[in-house]
C-alpha atoms as a PDB file:
ATOM      1  CA  UNK A   1     -25.385  17.356 -46.164  1.00  0.00           C
ATOM      2  CA  UNK A   2     -27.254  14.104 -45.722  1.00  0.00           C
ATOM      3  CA  UNK A   3     -24.044  12.057 -46.012  1.00  0.00           C
ATOM      4  CA  UNK A   4     -22.322  14.261 -43.447  1.00  0.00           C
ATOM      5  CA  UNK A   5     -25.272  13.905 -41.088  1.00  0.00           C
ATOM      6  CA  UNK A   6     -25.236  10.110 -41.480  1.00  0.00           C
ATOM      7  CA  UNK A   7     -21.493  10.055 -40.776  1.00  0.00           C
ATOM      8  CA  UNK A   8     -21.925  12.088 -37.613  1.00  0.00           C
ATOM      9  CA  UNK A   9     -24.727   9.798 -36.495  1.00  0.00           C
ATOM     10  CA  UNK A  10     -22.563   6.739 -37.095  1.00  0.00           C
ATOM     11  CA  UNK A  11     -19.676   8.246 -35.101  1.00  0.00           C
ATOM     12  CA  UNK A  12     -22.014   9.028 -32.198  1.00  0.00           C
ATOM     13  CA  UNK A  13     -23.317   5.461 -32.359  1.00  0.00           C
ATOM     14  CA  UNK A  14     -19.753   4.066 -32.221  1.00  0.00           C
ATOM     15  CA  UNK A  15     -18.856   6.332 -29.299  1.00  0.00           C
ATOM     16  CA  UNK A  16     -21.949   5.158 -27.449  1.00  0.00           C
ATOM     17  CA  UNK A  17     -20.968   1.519 -27.999  1.00  0.00           C
ATOM     18  CA  UNK A  18     -17.446   2.188 -26.732  1.00  0.00           C
ATOM     19  CA  UNK A  19     -18.772   3.861 -23.577  1.00  0.00           C
ATOM     20  CA  UNK A  20     -21.240   1.025 -22.896  1.00  0.00           C
ATOM     21  CA  UNK A  21     -18.549  -1.609 -23.453  1.00  0.00           C
ATOM     22  CA  UNK A  22     -16.160   0.229 -21.114  1.00  0.00           C
ATOM     23  CA  UNK A  23     -18.793   0.490 -18.396  1.00  0.00           C
ATOM     24  CA  UNK A  24     -19.678  -3.201 -18.701  1.00  0.00           C
ATOM     25  CA  UNK A  25     -15.993  -4.165 -18.530  1.00  0.00           C
ATOM     26  CA  UNK A  26     -15.397  -2.032 -15.427  1.00  0.00           C
ATOM     27  CA  UNK A  27     -18.531  -3.405 -13.761  1.00  0.00           C
ATOM     28  CA  UNK A  28     -17.485  -7.000 -14.453  1.00  0.00           C
ATOM     29  CA  UNK A  29     -13.991  -6.304 -13.132  1.00  0.00           C
ATOM     30  CA  UNK A  30     -15.371  -4.689  -9.975  1.00  0.00           C
ATOM     31  CA  UNK A  31     -17.701  -7.638  -9.349  1.00  0.00           C
ATOM     32  CA  UNK A  32     -14.858 -10.110  -9.786  1.00  0.00           C
ATOM     33  CA  UNK A  33     -12.667  -8.009  -7.495  1.00  0.00           C
ATOM     34  CA  UNK A  34     -15.389  -7.957  -4.824  1.00  0.00           C
ATOM     35  CA  UNK A  35     -15.442 -11.786  -4.765  1.00  0.00           C
ATOM     36  CA  UNK A  36     -11.730 -11.975  -3.994  1.00  0.00           C
ATOM     37  CA  UNK A  37     -10.982 -12.885  -0.384  1.00  0.00           C
ATOM     38  CA  UNK A  38      -8.230 -11.371   1.712  1.00  0.00           C
ATOM     39  CA  UNK A  39      -5.785 -11.677   3.353  1.00  0.00           C
ATOM     40  CA  UNK A  40      -3.645 -14.066   1.326  1.00  0.00           C
ATOM     41  CA  UNK A  41      -0.001 -14.887   0.713  1.00  0.00           C
ATOM     42  CA  UNK A  42       1.852 -14.202  -2.519  1.00  0.00           C
ATOM     43  CA  UNK A  43       5.359 -14.666  -3.877  1.00  0.00           C
ATOM     44  CA  UNK A  44       7.322 -12.196  -6.011  1.00  0.00           C
ATOM     45  CA  UNK A  45       7.822 -13.409  -9.592  1.00  0.00           C
ATOM     46  CA  UNK A  46      10.938 -11.449 -10.551  1.00  0.00           C
ATOM     47  CA  UNK A  47      13.758  -9.419  -9.039  1.00  0.00           C
ATOM     48  CA  UNK A  48      13.260  -5.669  -8.826  1.00  0.00           C
ATOM     49  CA  UNK A  49       9.554  -5.560  -7.987  1.00  0.00           C
ATOM     50  CA  UNK A  50       8.872  -2.109  -6.533  1.00  0.00           C
ATOM     51  CA  UNK A  51       6.569  -1.547  -3.560  1.00  0.00           C
ATOM     52  CA  UNK A  52       4.895   1.835  -3.981  1.00  0.00           C
ATOM     53  CA  UNK A  53       3.281   4.342  -1.627  1.00  0.00           C
ATOM     54  CA  UNK A  54       0.071   4.223  -3.693  1.00  0.00           C
ATOM     55  CA  UNK A  55      -1.635   2.292  -6.451  1.00  0.00           C
ATOM     56  CA  UNK A  56       0.097   3.778  -9.482  1.00  0.00           C
ATOM     57  CA  UNK A  57       3.621   4.320 -10.777  1.00  0.00           C
ATOM     58  CA  UNK A  58       3.668   8.020  -9.826  1.00  0.00           C
ATOM     59  CA  UNK A  59       3.938   7.235  -6.122  1.00  0.00           C
ATOM     60  CA  UNK A  60       7.259   6.898  -4.334  1.00  0.00           C
ATOM     61  CA  UNK A  61       9.004   3.544  -4.090  1.00  0.00           C
ATOM     62  CA  UNK A  62       9.220   2.263  -0.517  1.00  0.00           C
ATOM     63  CA  UNK A  63      11.436  -0.736  -1.239  1.00  0.00           C
ATOM     64  CA  UNK A  64      12.322  -3.258  -3.938  1.00  0.00           C
ATOM     65  CA  UNK A  65      11.607  -6.974  -3.574  1.00  0.00           C
ATOM     66  CA  UNK A  66      13.480  -9.967  -4.945  1.00  0.00           C
ATOM     67  CA  UNK A  67      12.211 -13.072  -6.669  1.00  0.00           C
ATOM     68  CA  UNK A  68      10.472 -15.604  -4.365  1.00  0.00           C
ATOM     69  CA  UNK A  69      10.088 -13.171  -1.453  1.00  0.00           C
ATOM     70  CA  UNK A  70       6.750 -13.628   0.278  1.00  0.00           C
ATOM     71  CA  UNK A  71       4.231 -10.820   0.695  1.00  0.00           C
ATOM     72  CA  UNK A  72       1.084 -10.574   2.756  1.00  0.00           C
ATOM     73  CA  UNK A  73      -1.750  -9.269   0.591  1.00  0.00           C
ATOM     74  CA  UNK A  74      -4.598  -7.447   2.351  1.00  0.00           C
ATOM     75  CA  UNK A  75      -6.518  -5.866  -0.537  1.00  0.00           C
ATOM     76  CA  UNK A  76      -6.632  -5.192  -4.283  1.00  0.00           C
ATOM     77  CA  UNK A  77      -7.415  -2.137  -6.364  1.00  0.00           C
ATOM     78  CA  UNK A  78      -7.675  -2.988 -10.049  1.00  0.00           C
ATOM     79  CA  UNK A  79      -4.169  -4.110 -11.118  1.00  0.00           C
ATOM     80  CA  UNK A  80      -2.506  -3.418  -7.769  1.00  0.00           C
ATOM     81  CA  UNK A  81      -2.232  -5.465  -4.581  1.00  0.00           C
ATOM     82  CA  UNK A  82      -2.104  -3.771  -1.197  1.00  0.00           C
ATOM     83  CA  UNK A  83       0.479  -5.538   0.980  1.00  0.00           C
ATOM     84  CA  UNK A  84       1.815  -5.270   4.491  1.00  0.00           C
ATOM     85  CA  UNK A  85       5.179  -3.562   4.250  1.00  0.00           C
ATOM     86  CA  UNK A  86       8.209  -5.817   4.699  1.00  0.00           C
ATOM     87  CA  UNK A  87      10.865  -4.825   7.219  1.00  0.00           C
ATOM     88  CA  UNK A  88      13.225  -3.688   4.461  1.00  0.00           C
ATOM     89  CA  UNK A  89      10.856  -0.807   3.632  1.00  0.00           C
ATOM     90  CA  UNK A  90      11.516   2.506   5.384  1.00  0.00           C
ATOM     91  CA  UNK A  91       9.128   5.228   6.484  1.00  0.00           C
ATOM     92  CA  UNK A  92       9.664   8.677   7.955  1.00  0.00           C
ATOM     93  CA  UNK A  93       8.228  10.520  10.964  1.00  0.00           C
ATOM     94  CA  UNK A  94       8.837  14.119  12.006  1.00  0.00           C
ATOM     95  CA  UNK A  95      11.261  13.863  14.939  1.00  0.00           C
ATOM     96  CA  UNK A  96       9.133  16.276  17.015  1.00  0.00           C
ATOM     97  CA  UNK A  97       6.574  13.489  17.397  1.00  0.00           C
ATOM     98  CA  UNK A  98       8.961  10.840  18.705  1.00  0.00           C
ATOM     99  CA  UNK A  99      10.505  10.686  22.177  1.00  0.00           C
ATOM    100  CA  UNK A 100      13.715   8.694  22.430  1.00  0.00           C
ATOM    101  CA  UNK A 101      13.919   6.126  25.195  1.00  0.00           C
ATOM    102  CA  UNK A 102      16.922   5.814  27.481  1.00  0.00           C
ATOM    103  CA  UNK A 103      16.465   2.121  28.236  1.00  0.00           C
ATOM    104  CA  UNK A 104      16.062   0.827  24.656  1.00  0.00           C
ATOM    105  CA  UNK A 105      18.612   1.926  22.077  1.00  0.00           C
ATOM    106  CA  UNK A 106      17.103   2.765  18.701  1.00  0.00           C
ATOM    107  CA  UNK A 107      13.537   2.777  20.023  1.00  0.00           C
ATOM    108  CA  UNK A 108      11.272   5.809  20.083  1.00  0.00           C
ATOM    109  CA  UNK A 109       7.798   6.409  21.477  1.00  0.00           C
ATOM    110  CA  UNK A 110       5.162   8.328  19.531  1.00  0.00           C
ATOM    111  CA  UNK A 111       4.056  11.331  21.631  1.00  0.00           C
ATOM    112  CA  UNK A 112       0.912  12.527  19.788  1.00  0.00           C
ATOM    113  CA  UNK A 113      -2.211  11.255  18.056  1.00  0.00           C
ATOM    114  CA  UNK A 114      -2.546  10.653  14.313  1.00  0.00           C
ATOM    115  CA  UNK A 115       1.107  11.253  13.486  1.00  0.00           C
ATOM    116  CA  UNK A 116       1.757  10.851   9.770  1.00  0.00           C
ATOM    117  CA  UNK A 117       3.978   8.094   8.414  1.00  0.00           C
ATOM    118  CA  UNK A 118       5.519   9.388   5.212  1.00  0.00           C
ATOM    119  CA  UNK A 119       7.333   7.959   2.216  1.00  0.00           C
ATOM    120  CA  UNK A 120      10.205  10.444   2.595  1.00  0.00           C
ATOM    121  CA  UNK A 121      11.767  13.053   4.863  1.00  0.00           C
ATOM    122  CA  UNK A 122       9.399  15.967   4.297  1.00  0.00           C
ATOM    123  CA  UNK A 123       5.758  16.975   4.059  1.00  0.00           C
ATOM    124  CA  UNK A 124       5.800  16.789   0.247  1.00  0.00           C
ATOM    125  CA  UNK A 125       6.000  13.000   0.419  1.00  0.00           C
ATOM    126  CA  UNK A 126       2.955  10.731   0.417  1.00  0.00           C
ATOM    127  CA  UNK A 127       1.284   9.721   3.658  1.00  0.00           C
ATOM    128  CA  UNK A 128       1.352   5.965   4.143  1.00  0.00           C
ATOM    129  CA  UNK A 129      -0.713   5.938   7.325  1.00  0.00           C
ATOM    130  CA  UNK A 130      -0.914   7.386  10.806  1.00  0.00           C
ATOM    131  CA  UNK A 131       0.288   6.182  14.185  1.00  0.00           C
ATOM    132  CA  UNK A 132      -0.636   7.383  17.665  1.00  0.00           C
ATOM    133  CA  UNK A 133       0.895   7.498  21.135  1.00  0.00           C
ATOM    134  CA  UNK A 134       2.181   5.522  22.964  1.00  0.00           C
ATOM    135  CA  UNK A 135       3.249   3.165  20.153  1.00  0.00           C
ATOM    136  CA  UNK A 136       6.948   2.326  19.847  1.00  0.00           C
ATOM    137  CA  UNK A 137       8.922   2.549  16.612  1.00  0.00           C
ATOM    138  CA  UNK A 138      12.386   1.323  15.595  1.00  0.00           C
ATOM    139  CA  UNK A 139      14.564   4.252  14.527  1.00  0.00           C
ATOM    140  CA  UNK A 140      17.156   3.610  11.807  1.00  0.00           C
ATOM    141  CA  UNK A 141      18.623   7.096  11.347  1.00  0.00           C
ATOM    142  CA  UNK A 142      17.894  10.827  11.313  1.00  0.00           C
ATOM    143  CA  UNK A 143      17.503  12.930   8.183  1.00  0.00           C
ATOM    144  CA  UNK A 144      17.056  16.722   8.410  1.00  0.00           C
ATOM    145  CA  UNK A 145      14.561  16.740  11.247  1.00  0.00           C
ATOM    146  CA  UNK A 146      12.944  13.429  10.356  1.00  0.00           C
ATOM    147  CA  UNK A 147      13.481   9.943  11.737  1.00  0.00           C
ATOM    148  CA  UNK A 148      13.782   7.064   9.305  1.00  0.00           C
ATOM    149  CA  UNK A 149      11.975   4.111  10.887  1.00  0.00           C
ATOM    150  CA  UNK A 150      11.090   0.505  10.238  1.00  0.00           C
ATOM    151  CA  UNK A 151       7.465   0.105   9.145  1.00  0.00           C
ATOM    152  CA  UNK A 152       5.275  -0.353  12.224  1.00  0.00           C
ATOM    153  CA  UNK A 153       2.867  -3.269  12.249  1.00  0.00           C
ATOM    154  CA  UNK A 154      -0.026  -2.653   9.874  1.00  0.00           C
ATOM    155  CA  UNK A 155       1.686  -0.162   7.540  1.00  0.00           C
ATOM    156  CA  UNK A 156       0.928  -1.044   3.920  1.00  0.00           C
ATOM    157  CA  UNK A 157       2.119  -0.315   0.396  1.00  0.00           C
ATOM    158  CA  UNK A 158       1.165  -1.327  -3.136  1.00  0.00           C
ATOM    159  CA  UNK A 159       2.657  -3.649  -5.738  1.00  0.00           C
ATOM    160  CA  UNK A 160       1.502  -4.538  -9.244  1.00  0.00           C
ATOM    161  CA  UNK A 161      -0.570  -7.708  -9.225  1.00  0.00           C
ATOM    162  CA  UNK A 162       1.274  -9.090 -12.254  1.00  0.00           C
ATOM    163  CA  UNK A 163       4.440  -9.152 -10.136  1.00  0.00           C
ATOM    164  CA  UNK A 164       2.891 -11.637  -7.684  1.00  0.00           C
ATOM    165  CA  UNK A 165       2.022 -15.329  -7.726  1.00  0.00           C
ATOM    166  CA  UNK A 166      -0.747 -16.161  -5.271  1.00  0.00           C
ATOM    167  CA  UNK A 167      -0.085 -19.108  -2.964  1.00  0.00           C
ATOM    168  CA  UNK A 168      -3.115 -21.392  -3.047  1.00  0.00           C
ATOM    169  CA  UNK A 169      -3.615 -23.297   0.194  1.00  0.00           C
ATOM    170  CA  UNK A 170      -4.023 -26.644  -1.554  1.00  0.00           C
ATOM    171  CA  UNK A 171      -0.678 -26.086  -3.325  1.00  0.00           C
ATOM    172  CA  UNK A 172       1.294 -25.246  -0.209  1.00  0.00           C
ATOM    173  CA  UNK A 173       3.476 -28.178   0.743  1.00  0.00           C
ATOM    174  CA  UNK A 174       6.394 -27.003   2.843  1.00  0.00           C
ATOM    175  CA  UNK A 175       6.172 -25.847   6.449  1.00  0.00           C
ATOM    176  CA  UNK A 176       7.445 -22.337   5.667  1.00  0.00           C
ATOM    177  CA  UNK A 177       4.548 -21.547   3.333  1.00  0.00           C
ATOM    178  CA  UNK A 178       2.025 -23.123   5.702  1.00  0.00           C
ATOM    179  CA  UNK A 179       3.315 -20.881   8.472  1.00  0.00           C
ATOM    180  CA  UNK A 180       3.085 -17.821   6.214  1.00  0.00           C
ATOM    181  CA  UNK A 181      -0.576 -18.530   5.406  1.00  0.00           C
ATOM    182  CA  UNK A 182      -1.336 -19.082   9.088  1.00  0.00           C
ATOM    183  CA  UNK A 183       0.346 -15.809  10.004  1.00  0.00           C
ATOM    184  CA  UNK A 184      -1.494 -13.732   7.409  1.00  0.00           C
ATOM    185  CA  UNK A 185      -4.845 -15.180   8.511  1.00  0.00           C
ATOM    186  CA  UNK A 186      -4.106 -14.310  12.124  1.00  0.00           C
ATOM    187  CA  UNK A 187      -3.266 -10.749  11.115  1.00  0.00           C
ATOM    188  CA  UNK A 188      -6.828 -10.309   9.894  1.00  0.00           C
ATOM    189  CA  UNK A 189      -8.098 -10.323  13.466  1.00  0.00           C
ATOM    190  CA  UNK A 190      -5.214  -8.489  15.151  1.00  0.00           C
ATOM    191  CA  UNK A 191      -5.643  -4.835  16.083  1.00  0.00           C
ATOM    192  CA  UNK A 192      -3.208  -2.750  14.069  1.00  0.00           C
ATOM    193  CA  UNK A 193      -1.283   0.134  15.569  1.00  0.00           C
ATOM    194  CA  UNK A 194      -1.407   1.948  12.241  1.00  0.00           C
ATOM    195  CA  UNK A 195      -4.372   3.811  10.823  1.00  0.00           C
ATOM    196  CA  UNK A 196      -3.975   3.220   7.098  1.00  0.00           C
ATOM    197  CA  UNK A 197      -4.217   6.147   4.736  1.00  0.00           C
ATOM    198  CA  UNK A 198      -2.178   4.388   2.104  1.00  0.00           C
ATOM    199  CA  UNK A 199      -3.512   5.874  -1.079  1.00  0.00           C
ATOM    200  CA  UNK A 200      -3.522   9.624  -1.124  1.00  0.00           C
ATOM    201  CA  UNK A 201      -0.674  12.067  -1.728  1.00  0.00           C
ATOM    202  CA  UNK A 202       0.213  14.614   0.941  1.00  0.00           C
ATOM    203  CA  UNK A 203      -1.050  17.763  -0.867  1.00  0.00           C
ATOM    204  CA  UNK A 204      -4.662  16.570  -0.588  1.00  0.00           C
ATOM    205  CA  UNK A 205      -4.552  16.355   3.216  1.00  0.00           C
ATOM    206  CA  UNK A 206      -6.225  19.282   4.907  1.00  0.00           C
ATOM    207  CA  UNK A 207      -5.614  20.890   8.278  1.00  0.00           C
ATOM    208  CA  UNK A 208      -2.699  20.160  10.583  1.00  0.00           C
ATOM    209  CA  UNK A 209      -2.304  16.601   9.271  1.00  0.00           C
ATOM    210  CA  UNK A 210      -0.200  17.925   6.398  1.00  0.00           C
ATOM    211  CA  UNK A 211       2.266  19.750   8.662  1.00  0.00           C
ATOM    212  CA  UNK A 212       4.168  16.653   9.865  1.00  0.00           C
END
């Protein structure tokens, strides 16, 4: 009985050490993450890097990036970077909340407040953010009562941090990269048309927000 008791005590001791070590590691990571400054510019390391609707692999893919494409990083959550969506990404809006314009082909005007931008054509897809009237959006096509649109300014997605090389300002030599850094810094002070809700799936949204 004594040996069994000692064994149980040793196991509890080991479990306690594991918990303490895990907490210390997470705390150190969070402190390091808090020191990181945004926005910044990064470059995709390899072809096929997926931009997701949230910060894990279970979220929908919004687009796929190629090697050397630039991204504008606005935040980090553990091993994921939050980036402004490139134009190749597509989002969806319920067509009831967009009025088509007669003078601009392919342009629609949002007609309500806090209209959800979704990762697919339906309410079961993740909400990327919200947009309000009278913002304009570029319409690409229609899909079963939903408009596929280009990402409006400020819409964001997520990409694994190990897929990105950060561009350090003192390493930037050509004019293209200098311009990219300048642009991403300016975006920090611009007012965005999009209210970002980029990291929760649709089923968690309560009230009428989940109906469109």
